[in-house]
Amino acid sequence: MVALEPTRLDIINESELHAGHRSSPGTGQSHFRILIVSPAFEGQSHLQRHRVINEILCEELGGLIHALALKTYAPGESTQ
């Protein structure tokens, strides 16, 4: 994520909300919500932004992270 030089980065671990979820690995580190504001997202669609994040987190998404919710913004876009 550092490569994106975010001006805001919120990472919220929501794993406890999914304890006992059928396919959750039960590690306590499996469900995350990320809000990121980065100049790197200017001119990119939401799909392009999500692909960038997925590429950065490809190893973690390969087994450690079960669920990831993303909100991606360029500076000046509303984060509400």
Protein backbone atom coordinates (compact mmCIF):
# COMPACT_ATOMS: atom_id res chain seq x y z
CA MET A 1 0.00 0.00 0.00
CA VAL A 2 2.94 2.32 0.62
CA ALA A 3 3.64 2.34 -3.13
CA LEU A 4 0.34 4.16 -3.63
CA GLU A 5 1.47 6.98 -1.31
CA PRO A 6 -1.95 7.23 0.35
CA THR A 7 -3.05 10.43 2.01
CA ARG A 8 -5.46 8.34 4.06
CA LEU A 9 -5.40 4.64 4.82
CA ASP A 10 -7.89 3.01 7.18
CA ILE A 11 -7.58 -0.74 7.70
CA ILE A 12 -10.26 -2.27 9.88
CA ASN A 13 -10.08 -5.88 11.00
CA GLU A 14 -13.65 -7.20 11.06
CA SER A 15 -12.70 -10.83 11.63
CA GLU A 16 -14.42 -11.03 15.03
CA LEU A 17 -17.73 -10.24 13.31
CA HIS A 18 -17.35 -13.43 11.29
CA ALA A 19 -16.19 -15.86 13.97
CA GLY A 20 -17.53 -19.30 13.19
CA HIS A 21 -18.37 -18.31 9.60
CA ARG A 22 -18.43 -21.52 7.60
CA SER A 23 -15.42 -20.92 5.34
CA SER A 24 -13.56 -18.48 7.55
CA PRO A 25 -10.10 -19.78 8.50
CA GLY A 26 -10.61 -18.78 12.16
CA THR A 27 -7.29 -16.94 12.36
CA GLY A 28 -8.67 -13.62 13.57
CA GLN A 29 -6.98 -12.02 10.57
CA SER A 30 -9.35 -12.97 7.74
CA HIS A 31 -11.93 -10.21 7.16
CA PHE A 32 -10.86 -6.64 6.46
CA ARG A 33 -12.34 -3.34 5.35
CA ILE A 34 -9.97 -0.83 3.72
CA LEU A 35 -10.54 2.82 2.89
CA ILE A 36 -7.70 4.35 0.88
CA VAL A 37 -7.28 7.80 -0.64
CA SER A 38 -4.40 8.05 -3.09
CA PRO A 39 -3.32 10.37 -5.92
CA ALA A 40 -2.49 7.17 -7.84
CA PHE A 41 -6.24 6.63 -8.28
CA GLU A 42 -6.85 9.87 -10.20
CA GLY A 43 -8.41 9.11 -13.57
CA GLN A 44 -8.96 5.42 -12.72
CA SER A 45 -12.29 3.62 -12.54
CA HIS A 46 -13.30 1.82 -9.34
CA LEU A 47 -12.55 -1.48 -11.07
CA GLN A 48 -9.02 -0.36 -11.99
CA ARG A 49 -8.43 0.82 -8.42
CA HIS A 50 -9.60 -2.48 -6.97
CA ARG A 51 -7.38 -4.40 -9.37
CA VAL A 52 -4.36 -2.40 -8.17
CA ILE A 53 -5.16 -3.27 -4.55
CA ASN A 54 -5.75 -6.92 -5.40
CA GLU A 55 -2.37 -7.04 -7.16
CA ILE A 56 -0.61 -5.50 -4.16
CA LEU A 57 -2.28 -7.98 -1.80
CA CYS A 58 -2.13 -11.02 -4.10
CA GLU A 59 -0.22 -13.22 -1.63
CA GLU A 60 -2.52 -12.40 1.28
CA LEU A 61 -5.61 -12.89 -0.88
CA GLY A 62 -4.28 -16.30 -1.86
CA GLY A 63 -5.07 -17.78 1.51
CA LEU A 64 -4.75 -15.51 4.52
CA ILE A 65 -7.54 -13.05 3.76
CA HIS A 66 -10.99 -14.55 3.34
CA ALA A 67 -12.91 -11.30 2.69
CA LEU A 68 -11.86 -7.79 1.71
CA ALA A 69 -14.13 -4.75 1.35
CA LEU A 70 -12.56 -1.80 -0.47
CA LYS A 71 -13.38 1.88 -0.72
CA THR A 72 -10.92 3.64 -3.00
CA TYR A 73 -10.77 7.37 -3.68
CA ALA A 74 -8.61 9.96 -5.36
CA PRO A 75 -7.94 13.15 -3.37
CA GLY A 76 -10.95 15.45 -3.46
CA GLU A 77 -13.49 12.66 -3.91
CA SER A 78 -16.01 12.26 -1.11
CA THR A 79 -15.24 9.40 1.29
CA GLN A 80 -18.82 9.30 2.59
